[in-house]
Amino acid sequence: MIYFDNAATSWPKPDAVIDAMLGYARDIGANPGRSGHRLAVEAERVRLDAREAVARLFGMADPMRVIFTLNATEALNLVIRGLLPRGSHVVTTSMEHNSVMRPLRAAEERGVAVSLAHCRPDGTLEPETVEELVRRNTRLIVVTHASNVCGTVLPVRDVGAIARKYGIPLLADAAQTAGCWPIDLDGDNIDLLAFTGHKALLGPTGTGGLAVNAGFDVSLLPAFTRGGTGSLSEEETHPDFLPDRYEAGTPNAIGLAGLAAAVRHILARGVQQVRDQECCLTERLTEGLRGITGVRLIGTGEAHRQTSVVSFTVEDCACSELAQALDERFAILSRPGLHCAPRAHRTLGTFPEGTVRFSLGLFNTQAEIDQAIDAVATLAKAKRDG
């Protein structure tokens, strides 16, 4: 079996991740931040380990500014709901996932104006198109770091410089880049970074968070939920300090144990080394697919300008039919359709049919790439021959 669905959820997970989660369930099992016994203290140590690992990954000096959520979607909702009052304005791009577009459409219903910076048909963005949309009442700029459809990497650093020029917070959706693309909050001019643990970070599902730059004033962002934190328990008002301000209720501690191990695995390997390895695989795949008659590559088609997400179509072949044949005949697992990003597909010219997406990961090999190219060539030829 060849697993090419890492942009949805990476698989397999490193042994260290599995061992950490099993160890937590077997040896700790307590609630972090509550009680005072030895297992609760150990549970909190695990959570702190995860914060420190994530902070190191993103170049943050203060791990307390790493806020844990269930996923990137929850982190994006926290910011979009919190920073956009009625009468305000937000700028985003035409390559966004529904985890951005749906909260923004909901914001429109409560009186928020939304402007889209239109990307090119290969998914690339000119930063100037964002600046042209800035208004006096613009309160937020939201940009995906890389497209989940075609892998195109957007110029987040340049957009962040524009945001800084106007004193507007930049929210970056790093669901597709955290763990496989070097990210530094200060260097990339990012104020708020939403990330998820279960994709390129190689962690378990139900983990993710919001990385808050030291320059961002958290008093501007209200809490999404309120409740027990284990701190200031004598008060009925929610704590306003980090990270408790945004972390009410019992956390996914066993998931954070896995996330900590996953991020340490990535750090030990080196994010740039991960990027280089996946870039080589992506280049091999795109070059192979480009040589097949009837195959259309979506996006830039240039490995150095994208993540290891490769989308394509085959002439006269429905994407769902192609993906099913790849699975049933060649045991290649991919994802067809719109990938929860209809706006991006409209930009790329692949709406409403969508594409077949091969998303590679750290554990894929050159041999698997070659098998996949041969499989697509076989299916494309069968279509041509009728």
Protein backbone atom coordinates (compact mmCIF):
# COMPACT_ATOMS: atom_id res chain seq x y z
CA MET A 1 0.00 0.00 0.00
CA ILE A 2 1.18 3.51 -0.89
CA TYR A 3 -0.17 6.31 1.30
CA PHE A 4 -0.43 9.64 -0.52
CA ASP A 5 -2.94 11.43 1.71
CA ASN A 6 -0.59 13.18 4.13
CA ALA A 7 -2.14 16.60 3.54
CA ALA A 8 -5.26 15.27 5.25
CA THR A 9 -3.52 13.28 7.99
CA SER A 10 0.05 12.01 7.96
CA TRP A 11 0.68 8.28 8.24
CA PRO A 12 2.43 6.31 9.52
CA LYS A 13 3.34 8.03 12.77
CA PRO A 14 6.85 7.76 14.22
CA ASP A 15 7.27 5.03 16.81
CA ALA A 16 8.17 7.72 19.35
CA VAL A 17 4.70 9.25 18.99
CA ILE A 18 2.95 5.95 19.59
CA ASP A 19 5.22 5.12 22.52
CA ALA A 20 4.62 8.53 24.13
CA MET A 21 0.84 8.16 23.92
CA LEU A 22 0.89 4.60 25.22
CA GLY A 23 3.21 5.68 28.01
CA TYR A 24 0.90 8.51 29.01
CA ALA A 25 -2.13 6.22 29.09
CA ARG A 26 -0.30 3.51 30.98
CA ASP A 27 1.90 5.46 33.40
CA ILE A 28 0.34 8.92 33.90
CA GLY A 29 -3.30 9.27 32.91
CA ALA A 30 -3.95 12.24 35.21
CA ASN A 31 -5.29 15.71 34.48
CA PRO A 32 -2.67 18.43 33.88
CA GLY A 33 -3.08 21.68 35.76
CA ARG A 34 -5.37 20.13 38.36
CA SER A 35 -4.71 18.42 41.67
CA GLY A 36 -1.25 18.43 43.19
CA HIS A 37 -0.28 14.79 43.27
CA ARG A 38 2.69 13.36 41.43
CA LEU A 39 0.77 12.12 38.39
CA ALA A 40 -0.92 15.49 37.87
CA VAL A 41 2.47 17.17 38.10
CA GLU A 42 3.87 14.71 35.55
CA ALA A 43 0.89 15.36 33.27
CA GLU A 44 1.57 19.09 33.39
CA ARG A 45 5.22 18.42 32.59
CA VAL A 46 4.12 16.60 29.43
CA ARG A 47 1.99 19.56 28.39
CA LEU A 48 4.86 21.95 29.06
CA ASP A 49 7.17 19.75 27.00
CA ALA A 50 4.75 20.10 24.09
CA ARG A 51 4.62 23.89 24.47
CA GLU A 52 8.38 24.17 24.58
CA ALA A 53 8.83 21.96 21.52
CA VAL A 54 6.30 23.94 19.47
CA ALA A 55 7.81 27.25 20.60
CA ARG A 56 11.23 26.07 19.49
CA LEU A 57 9.82 24.98 16.13
CA PHE A 58 8.45 28.45 15.43
CA GLY A 59 11.32 30.46 16.92
CA MET A 60 9.37 31.66 19.96
CA ALA A 61 11.10 32.72 23.16
CA ASP A 62 8.03 32.26 25.38
CA PRO A 63 6.34 28.83 25.28
CA MET A 64 3.41 30.24 27.27
CA ARG A 65 2.34 31.98 24.06
CA VAL A 66 1.63 28.59 22.48
CA ILE A 67 -2.11 27.99 22.88
CA PHE A 68 -3.37 24.45 22.39
CA THR A 69 -6.61 23.77 20.53
CA LEU A 70 -8.13 20.68 18.91
CA ASN A 71 -6.80 21.63 15.47
CA ALA A 72 -5.96 24.55 13.19
CA THR A 73 -9.66 25.10 12.45
CA GLU A 74 -10.44 25.87 16.08
CA ALA A 75 -7.46 28.23 16.27
CA LEU A 76 -8.60 30.05 13.13
CA ASN A 77 -12.11 30.39 14.50
CA LEU A 78 -10.77 31.75 17.78
CA VAL A 79 -9.02 34.60 15.99
CA ILE A 80 -11.62 35.32 13.31
CA ARG A 81 -14.47 35.44 15.79
CA GLY A 82 -12.46 37.41 18.32
CA LEU A 83 -10.85 40.11 16.19
CA LEU A 84 -13.69 41.01 13.83
CA PRO A 85 -16.50 43.03 15.41
CA ARG A 86 -19.48 44.30 13.45
CA GLY A 87 -18.46 47.05 11.05
CA SER A 88 -14.88 45.84 10.67
CA HIS A 89 -13.10 44.60 7.55
CA VAL A 90 -10.84 41.62 6.81
CA VAL A 91 -8.63 40.76 3.85
CA THR A 92 -7.95 37.18 2.78
CA THR A 93 -7.04 35.34 -0.43
CA SER A 94 -8.81 33.27 -3.04
CA MET A 95 -6.77 30.18 -2.10
CA GLU A 96 -8.19 29.66 1.38
CA HIS A 97 -9.52 26.43 2.88
CA ASN A 98 -13.05 26.36 4.25
CA SER A 99 -11.59 26.55 7.75
CA VAL A 100 -11.00 30.20 6.88
CA MET A 101 -13.78 30.87 4.38
CA ARG A 102 -16.66 29.49 6.43
CA PRO A 103 -15.85 31.51 9.57
CA LEU A 104 -15.46 34.58 7.35
CA ARG A 105 -18.82 34.01 5.66
CA ALA A 106 -20.35 33.69 9.11
CA ALA A 107 -18.63 36.97 10.03
CA GLU A 108 -20.24 38.61 7.02
CA GLU A 109 -23.64 37.68 8.44
CA ARG A 110 -22.85 39.68 11.57
CA GLY A 111 -21.75 42.76 9.61
CA VAL A 112 -18.08 42.19 8.78
CA ALA A 113 -16.85 43.13 5.29
CA VAL A 114 -14.67 40.51 3.56
CA SER A 115 -12.29 41.24 0.66
CA LEU A 116 -10.53 38.58 -1.40
CA ALA A 117 -7.09 39.12 -2.88
CA HIS A 118 -7.29 37.14 -6.10
CA CYS A 119 -4.48 34.72 -6.82
CA ARG A 120 -3.23 33.62 -10.22
CA PRO A 121 -4.45 30.38 -11.84
CA ASP A 122 -1.37 28.60 -10.46
CA GLY A 123 -2.26 29.67 -6.91
CA THR A 124 0.48 32.29 -6.56
CA LEU A 125 -0.21 35.66 -4.96
CA GLU A 126 1.16 39.13 -5.61
CA PRO A 127 1.45 40.81 -2.18
CA GLU A 128 0.42 44.13 -3.69
CA THR A 129 -3.07 42.77 -4.31
CA VAL A 130 -3.46 42.46 -0.54
CA GLU A 131 -2.26 46.01 0.12
CA GLU A 132 -4.70 47.42 -2.44
CA LEU A 133 -7.60 46.02 -0.39
CA VAL A 134 -6.59 47.50 2.97
CA ARG A 135 -9.12 49.97 4.41
CA ARG A 136 -9.24 52.21 7.45
CA ASN A 137 -11.39 49.65 9.27
CA THR A 138 -9.31 46.58 8.31
CA ARG A 139 -8.79 44.62 11.51
CA LEU A 140 -7.21 41.42 10.21
CA ILE A 141 -5.38 39.87 7.26
CA VAL A 142 -5.70 36.09 6.89
CA VAL A 143 -3.44 34.15 4.52
CA THR A 144 -2.88 30.45 4.02
CA HIS A 145 0.82 29.65 4.10
CA ALA A 146 0.41 26.95 1.46
CA SER A 147 -2.53 25.63 -0.51
CA ASN A 148 -3.91 22.27 0.56
CA VAL A 149 -5.08 21.76 -3.04
CA CYS A 150 -1.93 22.28 -5.10
CA GLY A 151 0.82 23.02 -2.57
CA THR A 152 1.59 26.53 -3.82
CA VAL A 153 3.35 28.51 -1.08
CA LEU A 154 2.10 32.05 -0.62
CA PRO A 155 4.41 35.01 0.25
CA VAL A 156 3.41 35.21 3.90
CA ARG A 157 6.52 37.17 4.88
CA ASP A 158 5.80 39.90 2.30
CA VAL A 159 2.14 40.06 3.24
CA GLY A 160 3.19 40.27 6.88
CA ALA A 161 5.40 43.26 6.08
CA ILE A 162 2.37 44.97 4.56
CA ALA A 163 0.31 44.12 7.62
CA ARG A 164 3.00 45.58 9.90
CA LYS A 165 3.08 48.75 7.77
CA TYR A 166 -0.60 49.38 8.54
CA GLY A 167 -0.62 48.01 12.08
CA ILE A 168 -2.93 45.12 11.16
CA PRO A 169 -2.49 41.65 12.69
CA LEU A 170 -1.56 38.87 10.25
CA LEU A 171 -3.10 35.45 10.84
CA ALA A 172 -1.30 32.68 8.94
CA ASP A 173 -2.88 29.28 8.36
CA ALA A 174 0.06 26.89 8.63
CA ALA A 175 -1.96 23.68 8.53
CA GLN A 176 0.02 22.54 5.47
CA THR A 177 3.46 23.90 6.38
CA ALA A 178 4.07 23.41 10.10
CA GLY A 179 6.70 20.69 10.29
CA CYS A 180 7.73 20.61 6.64
CA TRP A 181 8.55 24.26 5.91
CA PRO A 182 10.81 26.48 8.06
CA ILE A 183 8.69 29.02 9.99
CA ASP A 184 9.87 31.81 12.27
CA LEU A 185 7.18 34.09 13.67
CA ASP A 186 9.39 37.19 13.87
CA GLY A 187 11.30 36.59 10.68
CA ASP A 188 8.11 35.86 8.72
CA ASN A 189 6.20 38.85 10.16
CA ILE A 190 3.46 36.60 11.56
CA ASP A 191 1.39 37.78 14.52
CA LEU A 192 -0.84 34.73 14.88
CA LEU A 193 -0.11 31.28 13.47
CA ALA A 194 -2.70 28.50 13.38
CA PHE A 195 -1.20 25.02 13.20
CA THR A 196 -2.38 21.45 13.39
CA GLY A 197 -0.57 18.46 14.85
CA HIS A 198 -1.81 15.62 12.68
CA LYS A 199 -0.38 16.57 9.28
CA ALA A 200 3.31 17.34 8.62
CA LEU A 201 4.03 17.57 12.34
CA LEU A 202 3.38 13.79 12.41
CA GLY A 203 1.33 14.00 15.61
CA PRO A 204 -2.08 12.61 16.51
CA THR A 205 -5.45 14.00 15.49
CA GLY A 206 -7.17 16.32 17.94
CA THR A 207 -4.02 18.41 18.46
CA GLY A 208 -3.07 21.82 17.19
CA GLY A 209 -3.01 25.37 18.33
CA LEU A 210 -2.33 29.06 17.97
CA ALA A 211 1.19 30.48 18.23
CA VAL A 212 1.01 34.10 19.40
CA ASN A 213 3.88 36.42 18.58
CA ALA A 214 5.34 38.36 21.50
CA GLY A 215 4.39 41.62 19.75
CA PHE A 216 0.69 40.82 19.65
CA ASP A 217 -1.48 42.30 22.41
CA VAL A 218 -3.62 39.42 23.65
CA SER A 219 -6.04 41.83 25.33
CA LEU A 220 -7.40 42.45 21.81
CA LEU A 221 -8.43 38.80 21.46
CA PRO A 222 -11.22 37.60 23.78
CA ALA A 223 -11.39 34.00 24.96
CA PHE A 224 -13.36 31.56 22.83
CA THR A 225 -14.47 29.43 25.79
CA ARG A 226 -14.38 29.94 29.52
CA GLY A 227 -14.37 27.47 32.39
CA GLY A 228 -12.04 25.51 34.61
CA THR A 229 -8.31 25.99 34.20
CA GLY A 230 -6.95 24.86 37.55
CA SER A 231 -5.78 28.44 38.15
CA LEU A 232 -7.53 31.18 40.16
CA SER A 233 -10.14 28.62 41.18
CA GLU A 234 -11.42 30.96 43.89
CA GLU A 235 -12.73 33.35 41.22
CA GLU A 236 -15.75 33.03 38.92
CA THR A 237 -14.20 35.17 36.22
CA HIS A 238 -11.86 33.56 33.72
CA PRO A 239 -8.08 34.17 34.00
CA ASP A 240 -6.69 36.73 31.58
CA PHE A 241 -3.08 35.48 31.49
CA LEU A 242 -1.52 33.08 28.99
CA PRO A 243 -2.02 30.30 28.25
CA ASP A 244 -5.01 29.86 30.60
CA ARG A 245 -6.89 32.72 28.91
CA TYR A 246 -7.58 30.44 25.94
CA GLU A 247 -7.42 26.95 27.44
CA ALA A 248 -10.55 26.14 29.42
CA GLY A 249 -11.47 22.57 30.30
CA THR A 250 -9.56 19.33 30.34
CA PRO A 251 -7.02 19.21 27.50
CA ASN A 252 -6.22 16.36 25.15
CA ALA A 253 -3.25 15.44 27.32
CA ILE A 254 -2.57 12.08 25.71
CA GLY A 255 -2.60 13.81 22.33
CA LEU A 256 -0.17 16.45 23.57
CA ALA A 257 2.16 13.69 24.72
CA GLY A 258 2.15 12.41 21.15
CA LEU A 259 2.51 15.91 19.73
CA ALA A 260 5.54 16.64 21.91
CA ALA A 261 7.23 13.47 20.70
CA ALA A 262 6.33 14.26 17.09
CA VAL A 263 7.73 17.79 17.18
CA ARG A 264 10.92 16.56 18.86
CA HIS A 265 11.22 14.01 16.04
CA ILE A 266 10.94 16.80 13.46
CA LEU A 267 13.38 19.04 15.31
CA ALA A 268 15.94 16.26 15.62
CA ARG A 269 15.71 15.61 11.91
CA GLY A 270 15.67 19.30 11.01
CA VAL A 271 12.81 21.09 9.30
CA GLN A 272 14.99 22.14 6.38
CA GLN A 273 16.12 18.54 5.92
CA VAL A 274 12.48 17.43 5.89
CA ARG A 275 11.76 20.13 3.33
CA ASP A 276 14.69 19.09 1.13
CA GLN A 277 13.71 15.43 1.21
CA GLU A 278 10.08 16.12 0.32
CA CYS A 279 11.12 18.59 -2.37
CA CYS A 280 13.15 15.88 -4.12
CA LEU A 281 10.19 13.51 -4.05
CA THR A 282 7.84 16.22 -5.30
CA GLU A 283 10.14 17.09 -8.20
CA ARG A 284 10.36 13.42 -9.20
CA LEU A 285 6.59 13.10 -9.09
CA THR A 286 5.79 16.28 -11.02
CA GLU A 287 8.33 15.49 -13.73
CA GLY A 288 6.93 11.98 -14.10
CA LEU A 289 3.31 13.10 -14.28
CA ARG A 290 4.18 15.92 -16.70
CA GLY A 291 5.41 13.34 -19.20
CA ILE A 292 2.10 11.45 -19.32
CA THR A 293 -0.24 12.28 -22.20
CA GLY A 294 -3.60 13.52 -20.93
CA VAL A 295 -2.37 14.53 -17.46
CA ARG A 296 -2.77 18.15 -16.41
CA LEU A 297 -0.73 19.34 -13.42
CA ILE A 298 -2.41 21.94 -11.23
CA GLY A 299 -0.42 24.74 -9.59
CA THR A 300 3.09 25.91 -10.37
CA GLY A 301 4.46 22.48 -11.22
CA GLU A 302 7.71 23.63 -9.61
CA ALA A 303 8.77 21.69 -6.51
CA HIS A 304 10.74 24.56 -4.98
CA ARG A 305 7.64 26.77 -4.99
CA GLN A 306 5.30 24.35 -3.28
CA THR A 307 4.91 21.81 -0.54
CA SER A 308 4.75 18.10 -1.33
CA VAL A 309 1.11 18.39 -2.41
CA VAL A 310 0.60 17.55 -6.09
CA SER A 311 -2.81 17.85 -7.76
CA PHE A 312 -3.65 16.69 -11.26
CA THR A 313 -6.41 15.60 -13.59
CA VAL A 314 -6.53 13.04 -16.39
CA GLU A 315 -8.36 13.91 -19.58
CA ASP A 316 -11.83 12.35 -19.88
CA CYS A 317 -11.52 10.68 -16.48
CA ALA A 318 -13.55 11.73 -13.44
CA CYS A 319 -11.38 12.37 -10.40
CA SER A 320 -13.41 10.05 -8.22
CA GLU A 321 -13.11 7.27 -10.81
CA LEU A 322 -9.35 7.78 -11.08
CA ALA A 323 -8.81 7.75 -7.33
CA GLN A 324 -10.90 4.63 -6.94
CA ALA A 325 -8.91 2.84 -9.66
CA LEU A 326 -5.63 3.90 -8.04
CA ASP A 327 -6.82 2.41 -4.76
CA GLU A 328 -8.41 -0.79 -6.03
CA ARG A 329 -5.91 -1.69 -8.74
CA PHE A 330 -2.64 -0.27 -7.40
CA ALA A 331 -3.23 0.22 -3.63
CA ILE A 332 -2.39 3.92 -3.94
CA LEU A 333 -4.38 6.02 -1.47
CA SER A 334 -5.11 9.57 -2.63
CA ARG A 335 -7.88 12.14 -2.29
CA PRO A 336 -10.16 13.29 -5.13
CA GLY A 337 -12.61 16.19 -5.23
CA LEU A 338 -12.62 19.72 -3.87
CA HIS A 339 -10.55 19.15 -0.70
CA CYS A 340 -12.76 21.47 1.40
CA ALA A 341 -11.44 24.41 -0.63
CA PRO A 342 -13.96 25.35 -3.36
CA ARG A 343 -12.68 28.92 -3.60
CA ALA A 344 -9.19 27.65 -4.33
CA HIS A 345 -10.50 25.32 -7.03
CA ARG A 346 -12.35 28.23 -8.66
CA THR A 347 -9.05 30.12 -8.71
CA LEU A 348 -7.22 27.13 -10.21
CA GLY A 349 -9.93 26.48 -12.80
CA THR A 350 -10.79 23.03 -11.45
CA PHE A 351 -14.25 23.73 -10.02
CA PRO A 352 -16.60 21.85 -9.69
CA GLU A 353 -14.93 18.56 -10.59
CA GLY A 354 -11.82 19.07 -8.50
CA THR A 355 -8.59 17.14 -8.80
CA VAL A 356 -6.82 14.02 -7.64
CA ARG A 357 -4.36 14.98 -4.94
CA PHE A 358 -1.18 13.10 -4.14
CA SER A 359 0.22 14.50 -0.88
CA LEU A 360 3.59 13.09 0.03
CA GLY A 361 5.14 12.75 3.45
CA LEU A 362 8.34 12.06 5.29
CA PHE A 363 7.95 8.28 4.99
CA ASN A 364 7.33 8.08 1.24
CA THR A 365 10.09 6.76 -1.03
CA GLN A 366 11.34 7.23 -4.57
CA ALA A 367 10.21 3.70 -5.38
CA GLU A 368 6.65 4.61 -4.38
CA ILE A 369 6.81 7.74 -6.56
CA ASP A 370 7.86 5.65 -9.55
CA GLN A 371 5.09 3.12 -8.93
CA ALA A 372 2.54 5.92 -8.77
CA ILE A 373 3.75 7.48 -12.02
CA ASP A 374 3.48 4.10 -13.75
CA ALA A 375 -0.02 3.59 -12.33
CA VAL A 376 -1.27 6.96 -13.56
CA ALA A 377 0.31 6.33 -16.97
CA THR A 378 -1.48 2.98 -17.20
CA LEU A 379 -4.85 4.47 -16.31
CA ALA A 380 -4.39 7.47 -18.63
CA LYS A 381 -3.51 5.17 -21.52
CA ALA A 382 -6.54 3.03 -20.83
CA LYS A 383 -8.71 6.13 -21.11
CA ARG A 384 -7.10 7.19 -24.37
CA ASP A 385 -7.51 3.71 -25.84
CA GLY A 386 -11.15 3.63 -24.81
